[in-house]
Amino acid sequence: MGINVMGVVHGIQSFVPRMIKQGRPGFVVNTASAAGLLAPAGSSVYCASKFAVVGLTECLYHELRAENHPIGVSVLCPAFVDTGISTAERNRPASLSKTNPEAEKYAERVRQAVKSGKLTALDIAAATIDAVKNDRFYILPHERVKAGVAIRMKDIIEGRQPTNTSG
């Protein structure tokens, strides 16, 4: 699952003003990733874009609430789901075909993790619908992500070095 940060920004710029103008209740769900909350080795560029989506979505939430707009906001942060993301490079334009020479040592691990994902795209959709119905901001369908986030937050609060929560 993925969406680039510019896709999120353009979507927000395109749809949210229209939603505000309509004045009716609505909902925005931005898709980030567990990589928007955790930082596994070998994923720096991917994590940077997903952290940006989470931050952008948090800001949007606060901005809409500050103006009392009837628009709910959530951010979806799934972990490994077998959606074809592990072979996404097949869609990369030739002009951007260069990859990090160190990437392959992580790529196989990611492919295996994606293949072994226990939740399906339908599970993620159901979790998203439930979150929207219950006006829940963070959508974390994978329980292990919550444990990793708790460890990360404790590292931050206690001023510790970051823990590698990716196993």
N, C-alpha and C. Protein backbone atom coordinates (compact mmCIF):
# COMPACT_ATOMS: atom_id res chain seq x y z
N MET A 1 0.85 -1.16 0.00
CA MET A 1 0.00 0.00 0.00
C MET A 1 0.89 1.22 0.00
N GLY A 2 0.61 2.13 -0.83
CA GLY A 2 1.42 3.31 -0.80
C GLY A 2 0.80 4.43 -1.59
N ILE A 3 1.15 5.60 -1.18
CA ILE A 3 0.73 6.80 -1.88
C ILE A 3 1.85 7.79 -1.65
N ASN A 4 2.24 8.50 -2.69
CA ASN A 4 3.34 9.42 -2.46
C ASN A 4 2.84 10.68 -1.79
N VAL A 5 3.74 11.38 -1.14
CA VAL A 5 3.37 12.57 -0.38
C VAL A 5 2.72 13.60 -1.29
N MET A 6 3.25 13.79 -2.48
CA MET A 6 2.65 14.78 -3.38
C MET A 6 1.22 14.38 -3.75
N GLY A 7 0.96 13.09 -3.88
CA GLY A 7 -0.40 12.62 -4.15
C GLY A 7 -1.33 13.02 -3.02
N VAL A 8 -0.87 12.89 -1.78
CA VAL A 8 -1.68 13.29 -0.63
C VAL A 8 -1.92 14.78 -0.65
N VAL A 9 -0.84 15.57 -0.85
CA VAL A 9 -0.97 17.03 -0.86
C VAL A 9 -1.94 17.48 -1.95
N HIS A 10 -1.78 16.94 -3.18
CA HIS A 10 -2.68 17.35 -4.26
C HIS A 10 -4.10 16.93 -3.98
N GLY A 11 -4.29 15.74 -3.39
CA GLY A 11 -5.64 15.28 -3.04
C GLY A 11 -6.29 16.21 -2.03
N ILE A 12 -5.51 16.59 -1.01
CA ILE A 12 -6.03 17.50 0.00
C ILE A 12 -6.38 18.84 -0.63
N GLN A 13 -5.50 19.35 -1.49
CA GLN A 13 -5.76 20.63 -2.14
C GLN A 13 -6.95 20.57 -3.09
N SER A 14 -7.20 19.41 -3.67
CA SER A 14 -8.30 19.27 -4.62
C SER A 14 -9.64 19.03 -3.94
N PHE A 15 -9.65 18.15 -2.95
CA PHE A 15 -10.92 17.71 -2.40
C PHE A 15 -11.37 18.43 -1.14
N VAL A 16 -10.46 18.73 -0.23
CA VAL A 16 -10.87 19.32 1.04
C VAL A 16 -11.55 20.68 0.85
N PRO A 17 -11.03 21.58 0.01
CA PRO A 17 -11.76 22.84 -0.18
C PRO A 17 -13.19 22.64 -0.70
N ARG A 18 -13.37 21.67 -1.57
CA ARG A 18 -14.72 21.37 -2.06
C ARG A 18 -15.60 20.83 -0.94
N MET A 19 -15.02 19.98 -0.12
CA MET A 19 -15.78 19.42 1.01
C MET A 19 -16.19 20.54 1.97
N ILE A 20 -15.28 21.46 2.24
CA ILE A 20 -15.57 22.59 3.12
C ILE A 20 -16.69 23.43 2.53
N LYS A 21 -16.59 23.71 1.24
CA LYS A 21 -17.59 24.54 0.56
C LYS A 21 -18.98 23.91 0.64
N GLN A 22 -19.05 22.59 0.54
CA GLN A 22 -20.34 21.90 0.63
C GLN A 22 -20.94 22.00 2.02
N GLY A 23 -20.09 22.12 3.04
CA GLY A 23 -20.57 22.29 4.40
C GLY A 23 -21.21 21.07 5.02
N ARG A 24 -21.12 19.96 4.36
CA ARG A 24 -21.71 18.72 4.89
C ARG A 24 -20.61 17.88 5.54
N PRO A 25 -21.02 16.99 6.44
CA PRO A 25 -20.01 16.09 7.02
C PRO A 25 -19.34 15.25 5.94
N GLY A 26 -18.08 15.01 6.13
CA GLY A 26 -17.31 14.20 5.19
C GLY A 26 -16.14 13.56 5.94
N PHE A 27 -15.30 12.86 5.20
CA PHE A 27 -14.18 12.18 5.84
C PHE A 27 -13.03 12.05 4.87
N VAL A 28 -11.81 12.25 5.37
CA VAL A 28 -10.58 12.09 4.60
C VAL A 28 -9.77 10.98 5.27
N VAL A 29 -9.35 10.00 4.49
CA VAL A 29 -8.45 8.96 4.99
C VAL A 29 -7.21 8.99 4.11
N ASN A 30 -6.08 9.32 4.70
CA ASN A 30 -4.81 9.27 3.98
C ASN A 30 -4.11 7.96 4.30
N THR A 31 -3.54 7.33 3.29
CA THR A 31 -2.81 6.09 3.50
C THR A 31 -1.32 6.39 3.63
N ALA A 32 -0.78 6.02 4.76
CA ALA A 32 0.66 6.11 4.98
C ALA A 32 1.16 4.67 5.04
N SER A 33 1.65 4.25 6.18
CA SER A 33 2.20 2.92 6.37
C SER A 33 2.67 2.84 7.81
N ALA A 34 2.89 1.63 8.29
CA ALA A 34 3.54 1.49 9.59
C ALA A 34 4.90 2.20 9.54
N ALA A 35 5.47 2.30 8.35
CA ALA A 35 6.75 2.99 8.16
C ALA A 35 6.61 4.50 8.34
N GLY A 36 5.41 4.98 8.58
CA GLY A 36 5.21 6.38 8.93
C GLY A 36 5.27 6.61 10.42
N LEU A 37 5.40 5.51 11.17
CA LEU A 37 5.45 5.58 12.63
C LEU A 37 6.69 4.90 13.19
N LEU A 38 7.27 4.00 12.41
CA LEU A 38 8.45 3.24 12.81
C LEU A 38 9.52 3.41 11.73
N ALA A 39 10.76 3.08 12.05
CA ALA A 39 11.84 3.32 11.11
C ALA A 39 12.72 2.09 10.92
N PRO A 40 12.24 1.11 10.14
CA PRO A 40 13.06 -0.08 9.92
C PRO A 40 14.27 0.22 9.02
N ALA A 41 15.38 -0.42 9.32
CA ALA A 41 16.60 -0.25 8.52
C ALA A 41 16.32 -0.59 7.06
N GLY A 42 16.95 0.15 6.17
CA GLY A 42 16.82 -0.10 4.74
C GLY A 42 15.61 0.56 4.10
N SER A 43 14.90 1.38 4.87
CA SER A 43 13.67 1.99 4.36
C SER A 43 13.66 3.50 4.49
N SER A 44 14.81 4.12 4.47
CA SER A 44 14.88 5.55 4.80
C SER A 44 14.03 6.44 3.89
N VAL A 45 14.11 6.25 2.59
CA VAL A 45 13.33 7.10 1.68
C VAL A 45 11.84 6.82 1.84
N TYR A 46 11.49 5.54 1.90
CA TYR A 46 10.09 5.15 2.08
C TYR A 46 9.55 5.71 3.40
N CYS A 47 10.32 5.54 4.48
CA CYS A 47 9.90 6.05 5.78
C CYS A 47 9.74 7.57 5.77
N ALA A 48 10.66 8.26 5.14
CA ALA A 48 10.58 9.72 5.09
C ALA A 48 9.26 10.16 4.46
N SER A 49 8.87 9.51 3.37
CA SER A 49 7.62 9.91 2.71
C SER A 49 6.42 9.53 3.56
N LYS A 50 6.47 8.40 4.25
CA LYS A 50 5.33 7.97 5.07
C LYS A 50 5.22 8.78 6.36
N PHE A 51 6.36 9.15 6.96
CA PHE A 51 6.33 10.05 8.11
C PHE A 51 5.71 11.38 7.69
N ALA A 52 6.03 11.84 6.49
CA ALA A 52 5.45 13.09 5.98
C ALA A 52 3.94 12.98 5.85
N VAL A 53 3.45 11.85 5.36
CA VAL A 53 2.00 11.67 5.22
C VAL A 53 1.33 11.70 6.59
N VAL A 54 1.93 11.04 7.58
CA VAL A 54 1.35 11.05 8.93
C VAL A 54 1.32 12.48 9.47
N GLY A 55 2.43 13.20 9.37
CA GLY A 55 2.50 14.57 9.88
C GLY A 55 1.52 15.49 9.17
N LEU A 56 1.45 15.38 7.86
CA LEU A 56 0.52 16.19 7.08
C LEU A 56 -0.92 15.91 7.50
N THR A 57 -1.25 14.65 7.73
CA THR A 57 -2.60 14.27 8.11
C THR A 57 -2.93 14.75 9.52
N GLU A 58 -1.96 14.68 10.43
CA GLU A 58 -2.19 15.22 11.77
C GLU A 58 -2.46 16.72 11.71
N CYS A 59 -1.68 17.44 10.90
CA CYS A 59 -1.91 18.89 10.75
C CYS A 59 -3.30 19.17 10.16
N LEU A 60 -3.67 18.41 9.14
CA LEU A 60 -4.99 18.59 8.53
C LEU A 60 -6.08 18.39 9.57
N TYR A 61 -5.95 17.37 10.39
CA TYR A 61 -6.92 17.11 11.46
C TYR A 61 -7.07 18.34 12.35
N HIS A 62 -5.93 18.85 12.83
CA HIS A 62 -5.97 20.01 13.74
C HIS A 62 -6.54 21.24 13.05
N GLU A 63 -6.16 21.46 11.80
CA GLU A 63 -6.65 22.64 11.08
C GLU A 63 -8.16 22.59 10.86
N LEU A 64 -8.67 21.43 10.47
CA LEU A 64 -10.12 21.30 10.26
C LEU A 64 -10.88 21.45 11.58
N ARG A 65 -10.33 20.88 12.66
CA ARG A 65 -10.98 21.01 13.97
C ARG A 65 -10.97 22.47 14.45
N ALA A 66 -9.86 23.16 14.22
CA ALA A 66 -9.74 24.55 14.67
C ALA A 66 -10.79 25.44 14.01
N GLU A 67 -11.18 25.09 12.80
CA GLU A 67 -12.18 25.87 12.05
C GLU A 67 -13.59 25.27 12.17
N ASN A 68 -13.72 24.23 13.00
CA ASN A 68 -15.02 23.56 13.22
C ASN A 68 -15.66 23.03 11.95
N HIS A 69 -14.86 22.57 11.02
CA HIS A 69 -15.42 21.95 9.81
C HIS A 69 -15.88 20.53 10.15
N PRO A 70 -16.98 20.10 9.57
CA PRO A 70 -17.53 18.77 9.88
C PRO A 70 -16.88 17.65 9.07
N ILE A 71 -15.56 17.69 8.98
CA ILE A 71 -14.83 16.72 8.17
C ILE A 71 -13.91 15.93 9.09
N GLY A 72 -14.12 14.63 9.14
CA GLY A 72 -13.26 13.76 9.92
C GLY A 72 -11.99 13.44 9.15
N VAL A 73 -10.96 13.07 9.87
CA VAL A 73 -9.66 12.76 9.25
C VAL A 73 -9.05 11.55 9.96
N SER A 74 -8.51 10.65 9.17
CA SER A 74 -7.79 9.49 9.70
C SER A 74 -6.55 9.25 8.86
N VAL A 75 -5.60 8.55 9.45
CA VAL A 75 -4.42 8.12 8.71
C VAL A 75 -4.30 6.60 8.89
N LEU A 76 -4.21 5.92 7.77
CA LEU A 76 -4.10 4.46 7.73
C LEU A 76 -2.63 4.07 7.69
N CYS A 77 -2.21 3.25 8.67
CA CYS A 77 -0.81 2.85 8.77
C CYS A 77 -0.69 1.33 8.87
N PRO A 78 -0.98 0.62 7.77
CA PRO A 78 -0.85 -0.83 7.81
C PRO A 78 0.61 -1.26 7.73
N ALA A 79 0.86 -2.49 8.14
CA ALA A 79 2.19 -3.07 7.99
C ALA A 79 2.18 -3.88 6.70
N PHE A 80 2.64 -5.10 6.75
CA PHE A 80 2.78 -5.91 5.55
C PHE A 80 1.45 -6.51 5.10
N VAL A 81 1.06 -6.17 3.88
CA VAL A 81 -0.14 -6.70 3.25
C VAL A 81 0.27 -7.10 1.84
N ASP A 82 -0.08 -8.30 1.44
CA ASP A 82 0.34 -8.80 0.12
C ASP A 82 -0.49 -8.15 -0.99
N THR A 83 -0.06 -6.94 -1.36
CA THR A 83 -0.77 -6.16 -2.39
C THR A 83 0.04 -6.01 -3.67
N GLY A 84 1.24 -6.52 -3.70
CA GLY A 84 2.11 -6.33 -4.86
C GLY A 84 3.13 -5.22 -4.63
N ILE A 85 3.11 -4.61 -3.45
CA ILE A 85 4.04 -3.50 -3.18
C ILE A 85 5.49 -3.94 -3.25
N SER A 86 5.77 -5.20 -2.92
CA SER A 86 7.17 -5.66 -2.90
C SER A 86 7.76 -5.77 -4.30
N THR A 87 6.92 -5.65 -5.33
CA THR A 87 7.41 -5.63 -6.71
C THR A 87 7.05 -4.31 -7.40
N ALA A 88 6.85 -3.28 -6.59
CA ALA A 88 6.42 -1.98 -7.13
C ALA A 88 7.44 -1.36 -8.07
N GLU A 89 8.70 -1.76 -7.95
CA GLU A 89 9.73 -1.18 -8.83
C GLU A 89 9.43 -1.44 -10.31
N ARG A 90 8.58 -2.41 -10.60
CA ARG A 90 8.21 -2.70 -11.99
C ARG A 90 7.52 -1.51 -12.64
N ASN A 91 6.96 -0.63 -11.83
CA ASN A 91 6.25 0.55 -12.33
C ASN A 91 7.13 1.80 -12.39
N ARG A 92 8.36 1.67 -11.94
CA ARG A 92 9.26 2.83 -11.89
C ARG A 92 9.68 3.23 -13.30
N PRO A 93 9.60 4.53 -13.63
CA PRO A 93 10.07 4.98 -14.94
C PRO A 93 11.56 4.68 -15.13
N ALA A 94 11.95 4.40 -16.34
CA ALA A 94 13.34 4.06 -16.65
C ALA A 94 14.30 5.15 -16.16
N SER A 95 13.87 6.39 -16.23
CA SER A 95 14.74 7.49 -15.81
C SER A 95 15.02 7.47 -14.30
N LEU A 96 14.22 6.71 -13.56
CA LEU A 96 14.41 6.61 -12.12
C LEU A 96 14.79 5.19 -11.70
N SER A 97 15.35 4.44 -12.62
CA SER A 97 15.59 3.02 -12.37
C SER A 97 16.75 2.73 -11.42
N LYS A 98 17.64 3.70 -11.20
CA LYS A 98 18.75 3.47 -10.28
C LYS A 98 18.21 3.22 -8.88
N THR A 99 18.80 2.26 -8.20
CA THR A 99 18.40 1.99 -6.82
C THR A 99 19.62 2.05 -5.93
N ASN A 100 19.38 2.13 -4.68
CA ASN A 100 20.44 2.12 -3.69
C ASN A 100 21.17 0.79 -3.78
N PRO A 101 22.49 0.77 -3.96
CA PRO A 101 23.22 -0.50 -4.07
C PRO A 101 23.08 -1.37 -2.83
N GLU A 102 22.74 -0.79 -1.70
CA GLU A 102 22.56 -1.54 -0.47
C GLU A 102 21.14 -2.10 -0.33
N ALA A 103 20.24 -1.71 -1.23
CA ALA A 103 18.82 -2.04 -1.08
C ALA A 103 18.53 -3.53 -1.17
N GLU A 104 19.26 -4.27 -1.99
CA GLU A 104 18.91 -5.67 -2.22
C GLU A 104 18.98 -6.51 -0.95
N LYS A 105 19.90 -6.19 -0.05
CA LYS A 105 19.99 -6.99 1.18
C LYS A 105 18.74 -6.85 2.03
N TYR A 106 17.99 -5.75 1.86
CA TYR A 106 16.74 -5.56 2.59
C TYR A 106 15.53 -6.01 1.77
N ALA A 107 15.65 -5.96 0.45
CA ALA A 107 14.51 -6.23 -0.43
C ALA A 107 13.95 -7.63 -0.25
N GLU A 108 14.81 -8.63 -0.12
CA GLU A 108 14.31 -10.00 0.04
C GLU A 108 13.56 -10.15 1.35
N ARG A 109 14.08 -9.54 2.40
CA ARG A 109 13.40 -9.58 3.70
C ARG A 109 12.01 -8.95 3.59
N VAL A 110 11.91 -7.84 2.89
CA VAL A 110 10.62 -7.17 2.71
C VAL A 110 9.69 -8.05 1.89
N ARG A 111 10.20 -8.65 0.80
CA ARG A 111 9.35 -9.53 -0.01
C ARG A 111 8.78 -10.68 0.82
N GLN A 112 9.60 -11.27 1.66
CA GLN A 112 9.14 -12.37 2.51
C GLN A 112 8.11 -11.89 3.54
N ALA A 113 8.36 -10.73 4.12
CA ALA A 113 7.43 -10.19 5.11
C ALA A 113 6.08 -9.89 4.48
N VAL A 114 6.11 -9.31 3.27
CA VAL A 114 4.86 -9.01 2.57
C VAL A 114 4.10 -10.29 2.27
N LYS A 115 4.80 -11.29 1.77
CA LYS A 115 4.16 -12.58 1.45
C LYS A 115 3.58 -13.25 2.68
N SER A 116 4.20 -13.05 3.83
CA SER A 116 3.72 -13.71 5.04
C SER A 116 2.70 -12.87 5.80
N GLY A 117 2.34 -11.71 5.27
CA GLY A 117 1.36 -10.85 5.93
C GLY A 117 0.07 -11.60 6.20
N LYS A 118 -0.43 -11.47 7.42
CA LYS A 118 -1.62 -12.22 7.82
C LYS A 118 -2.92 -11.49 7.46
N LEU A 119 -2.86 -10.18 7.30
CA LEU A 119 -4.06 -9.42 6.96
C LEU A 119 -4.14 -9.21 5.45
N THR A 120 -5.35 -9.26 4.94
CA THR A 120 -5.57 -9.06 3.51
C THR A 120 -6.00 -7.62 3.25
N ALA A 121 -6.06 -7.26 2.00
CA ALA A 121 -6.56 -5.92 1.64
C ALA A 121 -7.99 -5.74 2.14
N LEU A 122 -8.79 -6.79 2.12
CA LEU A 122 -10.16 -6.70 2.64
C LEU A 122 -10.17 -6.45 4.15
N ASP A 123 -9.23 -7.06 4.87
CA ASP A 123 -9.11 -6.81 6.31
C ASP A 123 -8.78 -5.34 6.57
N ILE A 124 -7.88 -4.81 5.77
CA ILE A 124 -7.47 -3.41 5.92
C ILE A 124 -8.65 -2.49 5.62
N ALA A 125 -9.41 -2.81 4.58
CA ALA A 125 -10.59 -2.02 4.23
C ALA A 125 -11.61 -2.04 5.36
N ALA A 126 -11.85 -3.21 5.95
CA ALA A 126 -12.80 -3.32 7.05
C ALA A 126 -12.34 -2.50 8.26
N ALA A 127 -11.04 -2.55 8.57
CA ALA A 127 -10.50 -1.77 9.69
C ALA A 127 -10.65 -0.28 9.41
N THR A 128 -10.47 0.12 8.16
CA THR A 128 -10.60 1.53 7.79
C THR A 128 -12.05 1.99 7.94
N ILE A 129 -12.98 1.20 7.45
CA ILE A 129 -14.40 1.56 7.56
C ILE A 129 -14.81 1.66 9.03
N ASP A 130 -14.35 0.73 9.85
CA ASP A 130 -14.64 0.77 11.28
C ASP A 130 -14.09 2.05 11.91
N ALA A 131 -12.88 2.42 11.56
CA ALA A 131 -12.27 3.63 12.11
C ALA A 131 -13.05 4.88 11.69
N VAL A 132 -13.46 4.93 10.44
CA VAL A 132 -14.24 6.08 9.96
C VAL A 132 -15.56 6.16 10.72
N LYS A 133 -16.24 5.04 10.84
CA LYS A 133 -17.53 5.02 11.56
C LYS A 133 -17.37 5.47 13.01
N ASN A 134 -16.22 5.19 13.60
CA ASN A 134 -15.98 5.53 15.00
C ASN A 134 -15.10 6.77 15.19
N ASP A 135 -14.86 7.50 14.10
CA ASP A 135 -14.08 8.73 14.13
C ASP A 135 -12.74 8.55 14.84
N ARG A 136 -12.03 7.46 14.50
CA ARG A 136 -10.72 7.18 15.05
C ARG A 136 -9.65 7.71 14.10
N PHE A 137 -8.73 8.48 14.61
CA PHE A 137 -7.71 9.08 13.74
C PHE A 137 -6.69 8.05 13.26
N TYR A 138 -6.00 7.39 14.17
CA TYR A 138 -4.95 6.44 13.79
C TYR A 138 -5.57 5.08 13.49
N ILE A 139 -5.31 4.57 12.29
CA ILE A 139 -5.79 3.25 11.92
C ILE A 139 -4.56 2.34 11.83
N LEU A 140 -4.41 1.50 12.84
CA LEU A 140 -3.26 0.59 12.94
C LEU A 140 -3.80 -0.84 12.98
N PRO A 141 -4.05 -1.42 11.82
CA PRO A 141 -4.68 -2.74 11.80
C PRO A 141 -3.79 -3.88 12.30
N HIS A 142 -2.49 -3.67 12.34
CA HIS A 142 -1.57 -4.72 12.79
C HIS A 142 -1.18 -4.44 14.24
N GLU A 143 -1.53 -5.34 15.14
CA GLU A 143 -1.26 -5.17 16.57
C GLU A 143 0.22 -4.98 16.88
N ARG A 144 1.10 -5.65 16.14
CA ARG A 144 2.54 -5.53 16.40
C ARG A 144 3.04 -4.11 16.17
N VAL A 145 2.37 -3.38 15.28
CA VAL A 145 2.76 -1.99 15.03
C VAL A 145 2.54 -1.16 16.29
N LYS A 146 1.42 -1.40 16.96
CA LYS A 146 1.13 -0.66 18.20
C LYS A 146 2.22 -0.88 19.23
N ALA A 147 2.70 -2.12 19.36
CA ALA A 147 3.78 -2.41 20.31
C ALA A 147 5.06 -1.68 19.91
N GLY A 148 5.36 -1.64 18.61
CA GLY A 148 6.54 -0.92 18.14
C GLY A 148 6.44 0.57 18.38
N VAL A 149 5.27 1.12 18.18
CA VAL A 149 5.05 2.56 18.42
C VAL A 149 5.24 2.86 19.91
N ALA A 150 4.74 1.99 20.78
CA ALA A 150 4.90 2.20 22.22
C ALA A 150 6.38 2.21 22.60
N ILE A 151 7.15 1.30 22.03
CA ILE A 151 8.59 1.26 22.29
C ILE A 151 9.25 2.54 21.79
N ARG A 152 8.88 2.96 20.58
CA ARG A 152 9.45 4.19 20.01
C ARG A 152 9.13 5.41 20.87
N MET A 153 7.88 5.52 21.31
CA MET A 153 7.49 6.66 22.14
C MET A 153 8.26 6.66 23.46
N LYS A 154 8.45 5.48 24.04
CA LYS A 154 9.21 5.39 25.30
C LYS A 154 10.67 5.80 25.06
N ASP A 155 11.24 5.38 23.93
CA ASP A 155 12.61 5.80 23.58
C ASP A 155 12.69 7.33 23.53
N ILE A 156 11.71 7.94 22.88
CA ILE A 156 11.70 9.40 22.73
C ILE A 156 11.56 10.08 24.08
N ILE A 157 10.57 9.66 24.85
CA ILE A 157 10.29 10.29 26.14
C ILE A 157 11.45 10.14 27.11
N GLU A 158 12.09 8.97 27.09
CA GLU A 158 13.19 8.71 28.02
C GLU A 158 14.55 9.13 27.47
N GLY A 159 14.58 9.67 26.26
CA GLY A 159 15.83 10.14 25.68
C GLY A 159 16.81 9.04 25.33
N ARG A 160 16.26 7.86 25.00
CA ARG A 160 17.12 6.71 24.67
C ARG A 160 17.44 6.71 23.18
N GLN A 161 18.42 5.88 22.81
CA GLN A 161 18.71 5.63 21.41
C GLN A 161 17.51 4.86 20.82
N PRO A 162 17.23 4.99 19.52
CA PRO A 162 16.09 4.28 18.96
C PRO A 162 16.27 2.77 18.97
N THR A 163 15.20 2.08 19.35
CA THR A 163 15.19 0.63 19.36
C THR A 163 14.81 0.13 17.97
N ASN A 164 15.50 -0.89 17.49
CA ASN A 164 15.13 -1.49 16.21
C ASN A 164 13.94 -2.41 16.47
N THR A 165 12.74 -1.95 16.12
CA THR A 165 11.52 -2.71 16.38
C THR A 165 11.15 -3.63 15.22
N SER A 166 11.98 -3.66 14.17
CA SER A 166 11.65 -4.50 13.02
C SER A 166 12.16 -5.93 13.17
N GLY A 167 12.71 -6.25 14.29
CA GLY A 167 13.11 -7.62 14.56
C GLY A 167 14.45 -7.92 14.10
